[in-house]
Amino acid sequence: MANTNNNRIVVPEAKAAMEKFKMEAANEVGVNLKQGYNGDLTSREAGSVGGQMVKKMIESYENSIR
């Protein structure tokens, strides 16, 4: 079975906005995220950034349906 990466941005113009969003989420949870390679992060740190991003997306959606 081939390993495929589905982590691509569907709208290429959104890449910069997603990078900014990721940096903001990292800052909020206290993770020192830098541009480029972040292989020195622990799984916990990386997961907390992703979790914060999902939390903010859910909050945004909930606010939009009110």
C-alpha atoms as a PDB file:
ATOM      1  CA  MET A   1       0.000   0.000   0.000  1.00  0.00           C
ATOM      2  CA  ALA A   2       1.412   3.384  -1.013  1.00  0.00           C
ATOM      3  CA  ASN A   3       1.871   6.044   1.619  1.00  0.00           C
ATOM      4  CA  THR A   4       0.055   9.174   0.479  1.00  0.00           C
ATOM      5  CA  ASN A   5       0.097  12.566   2.129  1.00  0.00           C
ATOM      6  CA  ASN A   6      -3.336  14.188   2.253  1.00  0.00           C
ATOM      7  CA  ASN A   7      -2.106  17.227   4.174  1.00  0.00           C
ATOM      8  CA  ARG A   8      -2.262  19.548   1.215  1.00  0.00           C
ATOM      9  CA  ILE A   9      -4.019  22.855   1.080  1.00  0.00           C
ATOM     10  CA  VAL A  10      -6.877  22.729  -1.402  1.00  0.00           C
ATOM     11  CA  VAL A  11      -6.720  26.461  -2.134  1.00  0.00           C
ATOM     12  CA  PRO A  12      -3.044  27.384  -2.684  1.00  0.00           C
ATOM     13  CA  GLU A  13      -3.751  31.045  -1.917  1.00  0.00           C
ATOM     14  CA  ALA A  14      -4.662  30.021   1.653  1.00  0.00           C
ATOM     15  CA  LYS A  15      -1.175  28.704   2.463  1.00  0.00           C
ATOM     16  CA  ALA A  16       0.073  31.962   4.016  1.00  0.00           C
ATOM     17  CA  ALA A  17      -3.083  32.315   6.111  1.00  0.00           C
ATOM     18  CA  MET A  18      -2.734  28.737   7.379  1.00  0.00           C
ATOM     19  CA  GLU A  19       0.912  29.326   8.315  1.00  0.00           C
ATOM     20  CA  LYS A  20      -0.094  32.461  10.236  1.00  0.00           C
ATOM     21  CA  PHE A  21      -2.915  30.550  11.937  1.00  0.00           C
ATOM     22  CA  LYS A  22      -0.490  27.777  12.935  1.00  0.00           C
ATOM     23  CA  MET A  23       1.996  30.276  14.368  1.00  0.00           C
ATOM     24  CA  GLU A  24      -0.761  32.004  16.363  1.00  0.00           C
ATOM     25  CA  ALA A  25      -1.951  28.672  17.766  1.00  0.00           C
ATOM     26  CA  ALA A  26       1.609  27.716  18.711  1.00  0.00           C
ATOM     27  CA  ASN A  27       2.093  31.037  20.466  1.00  0.00           C
ATOM     28  CA  GLU A  28      -1.151  30.580  22.413  1.00  0.00           C
ATOM     29  CA  VAL A  29      -0.049  27.200  23.800  1.00  0.00           C
ATOM     30  CA  GLY A  30       3.546  28.319  24.403  1.00  0.00           C
ATOM     31  CA  VAL A  31       5.275  26.240  21.737  1.00  0.00           C
ATOM     32  CA  ASN A  32       8.326  27.775  20.091  1.00  0.00           C
ATOM     33  CA  LEU A  33       7.417  27.104  16.466  1.00  0.00           C
ATOM     34  CA  LYS A  34       9.702  28.462  13.788  1.00  0.00           C
ATOM     35  CA  GLN A  35       9.405  28.805  10.022  1.00  0.00           C
ATOM     36  CA  GLY A  36      10.521  25.708   8.160  1.00  0.00           C
ATOM     37  CA  TYR A  37      11.572  22.468   9.803  1.00  0.00           C
ATOM     38  CA  ASN A  38      10.318  21.815  13.349  1.00  0.00           C
ATOM     39  CA  GLY A  39      11.521  18.249  13.823  1.00  0.00           C
ATOM     40  CA  ASP A  40      12.898  19.114  17.237  1.00  0.00           C
ATOM     41  CA  LEU A  41       9.384  19.460  18.677  1.00  0.00           C
ATOM     42  CA  THR A  42       8.085  16.704  20.897  1.00  0.00           C
ATOM     43  CA  SER A  43       4.923  14.860  19.882  1.00  0.00           C
ATOM     44  CA  ARG A  44       3.162  16.554  22.771  1.00  0.00           C
ATOM     45  CA  GLU A  45       4.177  20.020  21.572  1.00  0.00           C
ATOM     46  CA  ALA A  46       3.190  19.332  17.966  1.00  0.00           C
ATOM     47  CA  GLY A  47      -0.091  17.802  19.092  1.00  0.00           C
ATOM     48  CA  SER A  48      -0.914  20.781  21.271  1.00  0.00           C
ATOM     49  CA  VAL A  49      -0.499  23.116  18.288  1.00  0.00           C
ATOM     50  CA  GLY A  50      -2.767  20.962  16.136  1.00  0.00           C
ATOM     51  CA  GLY A  51      -5.271  20.623  18.963  1.00  0.00           C
ATOM     52  CA  GLN A  52      -5.360  24.381  19.486  1.00  0.00           C
ATOM     53  CA  MET A  53      -5.947  24.900  15.760  1.00  0.00           C
ATOM     54  CA  VAL A  54      -8.882  22.474  15.791  1.00  0.00           C
ATOM     55  CA  LYS A  55     -10.300  24.083  18.931  1.00  0.00           C
ATOM     56  CA  LYS A  56     -10.204  27.520  17.293  1.00  0.00           C
ATOM     57  CA  MET A  57     -11.793  26.193  14.079  1.00  0.00           C
ATOM     58  CA  ILE A  58     -14.647  24.619  16.052  1.00  0.00           C
ATOM     59  CA  GLU A  59     -15.185  27.828  18.039  1.00  0.00           C
ATOM     60  CA  SER A  60     -15.269  29.804  14.794  1.00  0.00           C
ATOM     61  CA  TYR A  61     -17.821  27.450  13.280  1.00  0.00           C
ATOM     62  CA  GLU A  62     -20.002  27.515  16.382  1.00  0.00           C
ATOM     63  CA  ASN A  63     -19.960  31.318  16.375  1.00  0.00           C
ATOM     64  CA  SER A  64     -20.912  31.408  12.702  1.00  0.00           C
ATOM     65  CA  ILE A  65     -24.057  29.311  13.183  1.00  0.00           C
ATOM     66  CA  ARG A  66     -25.448  31.426  16.017  1.00  0.00           C
END
